[in-house]
Amino acid sequence: MKNNILRELEPNLIKIGDNSYTTLDNCIKQNKIFGILFLSGIVTKINNILQKFKDLFDLEEINNTFKLIICICEEDKSDFDEVFSKFLNLTCFIIPYQSEGIEKLINKYNIIFLPCLLIFDKNGNQLDSLNNTEIKNLNINNINGWNNIYNIKNNYKVDKYNIGDEGFIFGHKHILIYSDYLGKNPNYGKGNWYCDICGKTHKYNEANFYCDICGYDVCDTCYEKNKKI
């Protein structure tokens, strides 16, 4: 594994919750996606944030894909301990009080608002950054999307296709190309897109089939149902 922020955090992390995993290193070897959650006791509705992650980690699919690291931004030990106590029943890692890693993270990633959730792949490459509202709306589709981006960047297959695969579907005359949506057109930014067949909305970081001629977008499911053999 590359020398990165995850490796720097490894020696001192506190593991709490489920004992089915032992170290950050084991999670890295299992190709987990990581979130580092920055927060403090002054964050409003901190209990709602805690409940959000409890609900997510009740889903086995997420436990197999995603691990959380808590960075408590408190200078006073009693304030740190109070926030720490709220997460004792959540399966996650916590950076210890007054760890050098806390200041390094804050400076390195220019953390200027709380709460903030940074997403990394196993090699420490940052995949996303979420603010308070985005954390509140976090769901399994976000996590699957980050996992797809990681797989795309590391030349793994995403579902049944490789990026750049081409094909035709019934009802559309142009060739379609399988793409990581992020790389298709920088003008889309972080906007959502919708499938022109089923009409369902998808996040900007979900791979899809698209038409380079007319901008037609098709999700994996609809491509499978309508593809020409």
C-alpha atoms as a PDB file:
ATOM      1  CA  MET A   1       0.000   0.000   0.000  1.00  0.00           C
ATOM      2  CA  LYS A   2       1.141   3.526  -0.723  1.00  0.00           C
ATOM      3  CA  ASN A   3       2.464   5.714   2.082  1.00  0.00           C
ATOM      4  CA  ASN A   4      -0.579   7.877   2.779  1.00  0.00           C
ATOM      5  CA  ILE A   5      -2.801   9.399   5.410  1.00  0.00           C
ATOM      6  CA  LEU A   6      -4.437   6.070   6.283  1.00  0.00           C
ATOM      7  CA  ARG A   7      -1.084   4.458   6.986  1.00  0.00           C
ATOM      8  CA  GLU A   8      -0.073   7.423   9.154  1.00  0.00           C
ATOM      9  CA  LEU A   9      -3.237   7.048  11.243  1.00  0.00           C
ATOM     10  CA  GLU A  10      -2.951   3.276  11.680  1.00  0.00           C
ATOM     11  CA  PRO A  11      -0.660   2.923  14.739  1.00  0.00           C
ATOM     12  CA  ASN A  12      -2.819   4.847  17.221  1.00  0.00           C
ATOM     13  CA  LEU A  13      -6.399   4.331  16.135  1.00  0.00           C
ATOM     14  CA  ILE A  14      -8.911   3.143  18.726  1.00  0.00           C
ATOM     15  CA  LYS A  15     -11.264   0.407  17.510  1.00  0.00           C
ATOM     16  CA  ILE A  16     -14.731   0.276  19.026  1.00  0.00           C
ATOM     17  CA  GLY A  17     -17.854  -1.758  18.364  1.00  0.00           C
ATOM     18  CA  ASP A  18     -18.008  -5.013  16.409  1.00  0.00           C
ATOM     19  CA  ASN A  19     -15.031  -7.343  16.892  1.00  0.00           C
ATOM     20  CA  SER A  20     -15.312  -8.903  13.442  1.00  0.00           C
ATOM     21  CA  TYR A  21     -12.443  -6.740  12.234  1.00  0.00           C
ATOM     22  CA  THR A  22      -9.201  -6.007  14.052  1.00  0.00           C
ATOM     23  CA  THR A  23      -7.156  -3.230  12.464  1.00  0.00           C
ATOM     24  CA  LEU A  24      -7.325  -0.563   9.819  1.00  0.00           C
ATOM     25  CA  ASP A  25      -4.692  -2.552   7.947  1.00  0.00           C
ATOM     26  CA  ASN A  26      -7.044  -5.535   7.634  1.00  0.00           C
ATOM     27  CA  CYS A  27      -9.760  -3.260   6.257  1.00  0.00           C
ATOM     28  CA  ILE A  28      -7.299  -1.838   3.734  1.00  0.00           C
ATOM     29  CA  LYS A  29      -6.407  -5.344   2.571  1.00  0.00           C
ATOM     30  CA  GLN A  30     -10.135  -5.988   2.043  1.00  0.00           C
ATOM     31  CA  ASN A  31     -10.366  -2.953  -0.307  1.00  0.00           C
ATOM     32  CA  LYS A  32     -12.667  -0.959   1.965  1.00  0.00           C
ATOM     33  CA  ILE A  33     -13.721   2.610   1.235  1.00  0.00           C
ATOM     34  CA  PHE A  34     -13.008   4.887   4.223  1.00  0.00           C
ATOM     35  CA  GLY A  35     -14.776   7.923   5.624  1.00  0.00           C
ATOM     36  CA  ILE A  36     -13.096  10.336   8.056  1.00  0.00           C
ATOM     37  CA  LEU A  37     -15.793  12.226   9.956  1.00  0.00           C
ATOM     38  CA  PHE A  38     -14.705  15.526  11.535  1.00  0.00           C
ATOM     39  CA  LEU A  39     -16.984  16.813  14.290  1.00  0.00           C
ATOM     40  CA  SER A  40     -17.079  18.302  17.777  1.00  0.00           C
ATOM     41  CA  GLY A  41     -19.475  18.668  20.681  1.00  0.00           C
ATOM     42  CA  ILE A  42     -20.770  21.983  19.358  1.00  0.00           C
ATOM     43  CA  VAL A  43     -22.135  20.326  16.216  1.00  0.00           C
ATOM     44  CA  THR A  44     -25.908  20.580  16.303  1.00  0.00           C
ATOM     45  CA  LYS A  45     -27.896  17.359  16.059  1.00  0.00           C
ATOM     46  CA  ILE A  46     -24.809  15.226  16.654  1.00  0.00           C
ATOM     47  CA  ASN A  47     -27.118  12.441  17.842  1.00  0.00           C
ATOM     48  CA  ASN A  48     -28.844  12.481  14.441  1.00  0.00           C
ATOM     49  CA  ILE A  49     -25.466  12.017  12.759  1.00  0.00           C
ATOM     50  CA  LEU A  50     -24.702   9.115  15.075  1.00  0.00           C
ATOM     51  CA  GLN A  51     -28.070   7.504  14.287  1.00  0.00           C
ATOM     52  CA  LYS A  52     -27.451   7.974  10.561  1.00  0.00           C
ATOM     53  CA  PHE A  53     -24.280   5.879  10.729  1.00  0.00           C
ATOM     54  CA  LYS A  54     -25.856   3.290  13.029  1.00  0.00           C
ATOM     55  CA  ASP A  55     -28.619   2.789  10.459  1.00  0.00           C
ATOM     56  CA  LEU A  56     -26.103   2.516   7.627  1.00  0.00           C
ATOM     57  CA  PHE A  57     -23.939  -0.017   9.437  1.00  0.00           C
ATOM     58  CA  ASP A  58     -26.986  -2.179  10.113  1.00  0.00           C
ATOM     59  CA  LEU A  59     -26.801  -2.981   6.390  1.00  0.00           C
ATOM     60  CA  GLU A  60     -24.411  -5.877   5.749  1.00  0.00           C
ATOM     61  CA  GLU A  61     -23.588  -4.565   2.260  1.00  0.00           C
ATOM     62  CA  ILE A  62     -22.194  -1.347   3.721  1.00  0.00           C
ATOM     63  CA  ASN A  63     -20.244  -3.143   6.439  1.00  0.00           C
ATOM     64  CA  ASN A  64     -18.534  -5.137   3.694  1.00  0.00           C
ATOM     65  CA  THR A  65     -17.581  -1.984   1.779  1.00  0.00           C
ATOM     66  CA  PHE A  66     -17.200   1.023   4.071  1.00  0.00           C
ATOM     67  CA  LYS A  67     -15.408   1.825   7.331  1.00  0.00           C
ATOM     68  CA  LEU A  68     -15.622   5.015   9.384  1.00  0.00           C
ATOM     69  CA  ILE A  69     -12.884   6.925  11.219  1.00  0.00           C
ATOM     70  CA  ILE A  70     -13.993   9.573  13.746  1.00  0.00           C
ATOM     71  CA  CYS A  71     -11.867  12.714  14.202  1.00  0.00           C
ATOM     72  CA  ILE A  72     -13.086  14.597  17.294  1.00  0.00           C
ATOM     73  CA  CYS A  73     -11.947  18.219  17.092  1.00  0.00           C
ATOM     74  CA  GLU A  74     -11.848  19.142  20.787  1.00  0.00           C
ATOM     75  CA  GLU A  75      -8.962  20.649  22.748  1.00  0.00           C
ATOM     76  CA  ASP A  76     -10.433  19.982  26.197  1.00  0.00           C
ATOM     77  CA  LYS A  77     -10.202  16.351  27.380  1.00  0.00           C
ATOM     78  CA  SER A  78     -13.614  16.338  29.046  1.00  0.00           C
ATOM     79  CA  ASP A  79     -15.253  17.693  25.870  1.00  0.00           C
ATOM     80  CA  PHE A  80     -13.423  15.061  23.820  1.00  0.00           C
ATOM     81  CA  ASP A  81     -14.547  12.283  26.163  1.00  0.00           C
ATOM     82  CA  GLU A  82     -18.155  13.444  26.022  1.00  0.00           C
ATOM     83  CA  VAL A  83     -18.219  13.198  22.223  1.00  0.00           C
ATOM     84  CA  PHE A  84     -16.256   9.926  22.333  1.00  0.00           C
ATOM     85  CA  SER A  85     -18.869   8.369  24.629  1.00  0.00           C
ATOM     86  CA  LYS A  86     -21.614   8.957  22.068  1.00  0.00           C
ATOM     87  CA  PHE A  87     -19.925   6.623  19.583  1.00  0.00           C
ATOM     88  CA  LEU A  88     -19.148   3.662  21.859  1.00  0.00           C
ATOM     89  CA  ASN A  89     -21.926   1.570  20.326  1.00  0.00           C
ATOM     90  CA  LEU A  90     -20.923   2.311  16.741  1.00  0.00           C
ATOM     91  CA  THR A  91     -18.502   0.065  14.856  1.00  0.00           C
ATOM     92  CA  CYS A  92     -15.725   2.453  13.835  1.00  0.00           C
ATOM     93  CA  PHE A  93     -12.218   3.750  14.528  1.00  0.00           C
ATOM     94  CA  ILE A  94     -11.564   6.875  16.614  1.00  0.00           C
ATOM     95  CA  ILE A  95      -8.419   9.023  16.513  1.00  0.00           C
ATOM     96  CA  PRO A  96      -7.169   9.383  20.135  1.00  0.00           C
ATOM     97  CA  TYR A  97      -7.235  12.621  22.113  1.00  0.00           C
ATOM     98  CA  GLN A  98      -4.404  15.041  21.227  1.00  0.00           C
ATOM     99  CA  SER A  99      -3.123  12.763  18.483  1.00  0.00           C
ATOM    100  CA  GLU A 100      -0.791  14.533  16.035  1.00  0.00           C
ATOM    101  CA  GLY A 101      -2.938  13.053  13.293  1.00  0.00           C
ATOM    102  CA  ILE A 102      -5.858  15.357  14.114  1.00  0.00           C
ATOM    103  CA  GLU A 103      -3.997  18.597  13.409  1.00  0.00           C
ATOM    104  CA  LYS A 104      -2.340  17.088  10.343  1.00  0.00           C
ATOM    105  CA  LEU A 105      -5.710  16.101   8.903  1.00  0.00           C
ATOM    106  CA  ILE A 106      -7.305  19.477   9.610  1.00  0.00           C
ATOM    107  CA  ASN A 107      -4.428  21.340   7.950  1.00  0.00           C
ATOM    108  CA  LYS A 108      -3.910  18.929   5.075  1.00  0.00           C
ATOM    109  CA  TYR A 109      -7.541  18.965   3.984  1.00  0.00           C
ATOM    110  CA  ASN A 110      -8.336  22.538   5.063  1.00  0.00           C
ATOM    111  CA  ILE A 111     -11.236  21.595   7.342  1.00  0.00           C
ATOM    112  CA  ILE A 112     -13.085  24.869   7.979  1.00  0.00           C
ATOM    113  CA  PHE A 113     -16.578  23.618   8.840  1.00  0.00           C
ATOM    114  CA  LEU A 114     -18.018  20.887  11.043  1.00  0.00           C
ATOM    115  CA  PRO A 115     -19.269  18.297  10.561  1.00  0.00           C
ATOM    116  CA  CYS A 116     -17.320  17.275   7.467  1.00  0.00           C
ATOM    117  CA  LEU A 117     -16.949  13.802   5.970  1.00  0.00           C
ATOM    118  CA  LEU A 118     -13.996  13.025   3.685  1.00  0.00           C
ATOM    119  CA  ILE A 119     -14.078   9.832   1.625  1.00  0.00           C
ATOM    120  CA  PHE A 120     -10.913   7.897   0.675  1.00  0.00           C
ATOM    121  CA  ASP A 121     -10.079   4.708  -1.162  1.00  0.00           C
ATOM    122  CA  LYS A 122      -7.656   2.145   0.330  1.00  0.00           C
ATOM    123  CA  ASN A 123      -4.658   4.029  -1.084  1.00  0.00           C
ATOM    124  CA  GLY A 124      -5.596   7.308   0.563  1.00  0.00           C
ATOM    125  CA  ASN A 125      -6.910   8.941  -2.622  1.00  0.00           C
ATOM    126  CA  GLN A 126      -9.726  11.346  -1.772  1.00  0.00           C
ATOM    127  CA  LEU A 127     -12.987  10.480  -3.548  1.00  0.00           C
ATOM    128  CA  ASP A 128     -15.387  13.033  -2.083  1.00  0.00           C
ATOM    129  CA  SER A 129     -16.104  15.642   0.613  1.00  0.00           C
ATOM    130  CA  LEU A 130     -19.511  16.012   2.290  1.00  0.00           C
ATOM    131  CA  ASN A 131     -20.938  18.889   4.299  1.00  0.00           C
ATOM    132  CA  ASN A 132     -23.632  18.742   6.990  1.00  0.00           C
ATOM    133  CA  THR A 133     -26.584  18.486   4.588  1.00  0.00           C
ATOM    134  CA  GLU A 134     -24.864  15.856   2.444  1.00  0.00           C
ATOM    135  CA  ILE A 135     -24.025  13.782   5.530  1.00  0.00           C
ATOM    136  CA  LYS A 136     -27.671  13.948   6.592  1.00  0.00           C
ATOM    137  CA  ASN A 137     -28.710  12.574   3.183  1.00  0.00           C
ATOM    138  CA  LEU A 138     -25.960   9.937   2.992  1.00  0.00           C
ATOM    139  CA  ASN A 139     -27.228   6.567   1.755  1.00  0.00           C
ATOM    140  CA  ILE A 140     -26.117   3.263   0.301  1.00  0.00           C
ATOM    141  CA  ASN A 141     -26.104   4.664  -3.259  1.00  0.00           C
ATOM    142  CA  ASN A 142     -23.417   7.181  -2.284  1.00  0.00           C
ATOM    143  CA  ILE A 143     -21.212   4.442  -0.867  1.00  0.00           C
ATOM    144  CA  ASN A 144     -21.712   2.184  -3.869  1.00  0.00           C
ATOM    145  CA  GLY A 145     -20.855   5.138  -6.107  1.00  0.00           C
ATOM    146  CA  TRP A 146     -17.557   5.753  -4.301  1.00  0.00           C
ATOM    147  CA  ASN A 147     -16.742   2.076  -4.570  1.00  0.00           C
ATOM    148  CA  ASN A 148     -17.377   2.219  -8.328  1.00  0.00           C
ATOM    149  CA  ILE A 149     -15.054   5.211  -8.696  1.00  0.00           C
ATOM    150  CA  TYR A 150     -12.333   3.345  -6.813  1.00  0.00           C
ATOM    151  CA  ASN A 151     -12.769   0.285  -9.018  1.00  0.00           C
ATOM    152  CA  ILE A 152     -12.763   2.406 -12.188  1.00  0.00           C
ATOM    153  CA  LYS A 153      -9.553   4.214 -11.213  1.00  0.00           C
ATOM    154  CA  ASN A 154      -7.838   0.924 -10.430  1.00  0.00           C
ATOM    155  CA  ASN A 155      -8.853  -0.748 -13.712  1.00  0.00           C
ATOM    156  CA  TYR A 156     -11.188  -3.264 -12.131  1.00  0.00           C
ATOM    157  CA  LYS A 157     -14.467  -4.296 -13.716  1.00  0.00           C
ATOM    158  CA  VAL A 158     -17.544  -2.386 -12.649  1.00  0.00           C
ATOM    159  CA  ASP A 159     -20.433  -4.859 -12.709  1.00  0.00           C
ATOM    160  CA  LYS A 160     -20.231  -6.672 -16.101  1.00  0.00           C
ATOM    161  CA  TYR A 161     -18.445  -3.942 -18.068  1.00  0.00           C
ATOM    162  CA  ASN A 162     -15.115  -2.188 -18.488  1.00  0.00           C
ATOM    163  CA  ILE A 163     -14.929   1.554 -19.027  1.00  0.00           C
ATOM    164  CA  GLY A 164     -14.973   2.170 -22.791  1.00  0.00           C
ATOM    165  CA  ASP A 165     -17.083  -0.879 -23.677  1.00  0.00           C
ATOM    166  CA  GLU A 166     -19.475  -0.106 -26.555  1.00  0.00           C
ATOM    167  CA  GLY A 167     -22.837  -1.493 -27.624  1.00  0.00           C
ATOM    168  CA  PHE A 168     -26.249  -0.823 -29.136  1.00  0.00           C
ATOM    169  CA  ILE A 169     -29.716  -0.993 -27.592  1.00  0.00           C
ATOM    170  CA  PHE A 170     -33.148  -1.270 -29.191  1.00  0.00           C
ATOM    171  CA  GLY A 171     -34.774   2.141 -29.615  1.00  0.00           C
ATOM    172  CA  HIS A 172     -31.567   4.156 -30.001  1.00  0.00           C
ATOM    173  CA  LYS A 173     -29.653   4.339 -33.263  1.00  0.00           C
ATOM    174  CA  HIS A 174     -26.252   5.529 -31.996  1.00  0.00           C
ATOM    175  CA  ILE A 175     -23.562   3.503 -30.286  1.00  0.00           C
ATOM    176  CA  LEU A 176     -23.410   3.735 -26.477  1.00  0.00           C
ATOM    177  CA  ILE A 177     -20.201   3.895 -24.438  1.00  0.00           C
ATOM    178  CA  TYR A 178     -19.745   2.649 -20.858  1.00  0.00           C
ATOM    179  CA  SER A 179     -18.232   5.466 -18.831  1.00  0.00           C
ATOM    180  CA  ASP A 180     -17.411   6.650 -15.347  1.00  0.00           C
ATOM    181  CA  TYR A 181     -19.817   9.541 -15.271  1.00  0.00           C
ATOM    182  CA  LEU A 182     -17.305  11.869 -13.626  1.00  0.00           C
ATOM    183  CA  GLY A 183     -14.992  11.695 -16.615  1.00  0.00           C
ATOM    184  CA  LYS A 184     -17.618  12.038 -19.312  1.00  0.00           C
ATOM    185  CA  ASN A 185     -18.165  15.760 -19.294  1.00  0.00           C
ATOM    186  CA  PRO A 186     -16.710  18.258 -16.791  1.00  0.00           C
ATOM    187  CA  ASN A 187     -19.701  20.545 -17.363  1.00  0.00           C
ATOM    188  CA  TYR A 188     -21.921  18.149 -15.387  1.00  0.00           C
ATOM    189  CA  GLY A 189     -19.985  18.858 -12.199  1.00  0.00           C
ATOM    190  CA  LYS A 190     -21.695  17.208  -9.238  1.00  0.00           C
ATOM    191  CA  GLY A 191     -25.151  17.323 -10.768  1.00  0.00           C
ATOM    192  CA  ASN A 192     -27.359  14.250 -10.842  1.00  0.00           C
ATOM    193  CA  TRP A 193     -28.297  12.538 -14.105  1.00  0.00           C
ATOM    194  CA  TYR A 194     -31.304  10.460 -15.074  1.00  0.00           C
ATOM    195  CA  CYS A 195     -31.704   7.381 -17.236  1.00  0.00           C
ATOM    196  CA  ASP A 196     -33.492   8.197 -20.496  1.00  0.00           C
ATOM    197  CA  ILE A 197     -35.248   4.817 -20.424  1.00  0.00           C
ATOM    198  CA  CYS A 198     -36.495   4.281 -16.869  1.00  0.00           C
ATOM    199  CA  GLY A 199     -36.317   7.937 -15.781  1.00  0.00           C
ATOM    200  CA  LYS A 200     -34.624   7.151 -12.466  1.00  0.00           C
ATOM    201  CA  THR A 201     -32.212   9.761 -11.094  1.00  0.00           C
ATOM    202  CA  HIS A 202     -28.602   8.752 -10.369  1.00  0.00           C
ATOM    203  CA  LYS A 203     -25.709  10.459  -8.599  1.00  0.00           C
ATOM    204  CA  TYR A 204     -22.964  12.120 -10.645  1.00  0.00           C
ATOM    205  CA  ASN A 205     -20.432   9.446  -9.658  1.00  0.00           C
ATOM    206  CA  GLU A 206     -22.352   6.406 -10.936  1.00  0.00           C
ATOM    207  CA  ALA A 207     -21.077   4.759 -14.107  1.00  0.00           C
ATOM    208  CA  ASN A 208     -23.460   4.497 -17.081  1.00  0.00           C
ATOM    209  CA  PHE A 209     -23.825   4.005 -20.821  1.00  0.00           C
ATOM    210  CA  TYR A 210     -24.035   7.277 -22.723  1.00  0.00           C
ATOM    211  CA  CYS A 211     -24.295   8.478 -26.306  1.00  0.00           C
ATOM    212  CA  ASP A 212     -21.429  10.749 -27.334  1.00  0.00           C
ATOM    213  CA  ILE A 213     -23.565  12.124 -30.196  1.00  0.00           C
ATOM    214  CA  CYS A 214     -26.814  13.143 -28.519  1.00  0.00           C
ATOM    215  CA  GLY A 215     -26.160  12.846 -24.779  1.00  0.00           C
ATOM    216  CA  TYR A 216     -28.526   9.904 -24.230  1.00  0.00           C
ATOM    217  CA  ASP A 217     -27.932   8.239 -20.833  1.00  0.00           C
ATOM    218  CA  VAL A 218     -28.771   4.655 -19.886  1.00  0.00           C
ATOM    219  CA  CYS A 219     -28.269   2.927 -16.527  1.00  0.00           C
ATOM    220  CA  ASP A 220     -26.770  -0.577 -16.293  1.00  0.00           C
ATOM    221  CA  THR A 221     -30.133  -2.204 -15.620  1.00  0.00           C
ATOM    222  CA  CYS A 222     -31.852  -0.670 -18.636  1.00  0.00           C
ATOM    223  CA  TYR A 223     -28.902  -1.445 -20.888  1.00  0.00           C
ATOM    224  CA  GLU A 224     -29.117  -5.117 -19.904  1.00  0.00           C
ATOM    225  CA  LYS A 225     -32.858  -5.205 -20.639  1.00  0.00           C
ATOM    226  CA  ASN A 226     -32.591  -3.446 -24.022  1.00  0.00           C
ATOM    227  CA  LYS A 227     -29.189  -4.360 -25.448  1.00  0.00           C
ATOM    228  CA  LYS A 228     -28.820  -5.915 -28.883  1.00  0.00           C
ATOM    229  CA  ILE A 229     -26.993  -9.217 -28.666  1.00  0.00           C
END
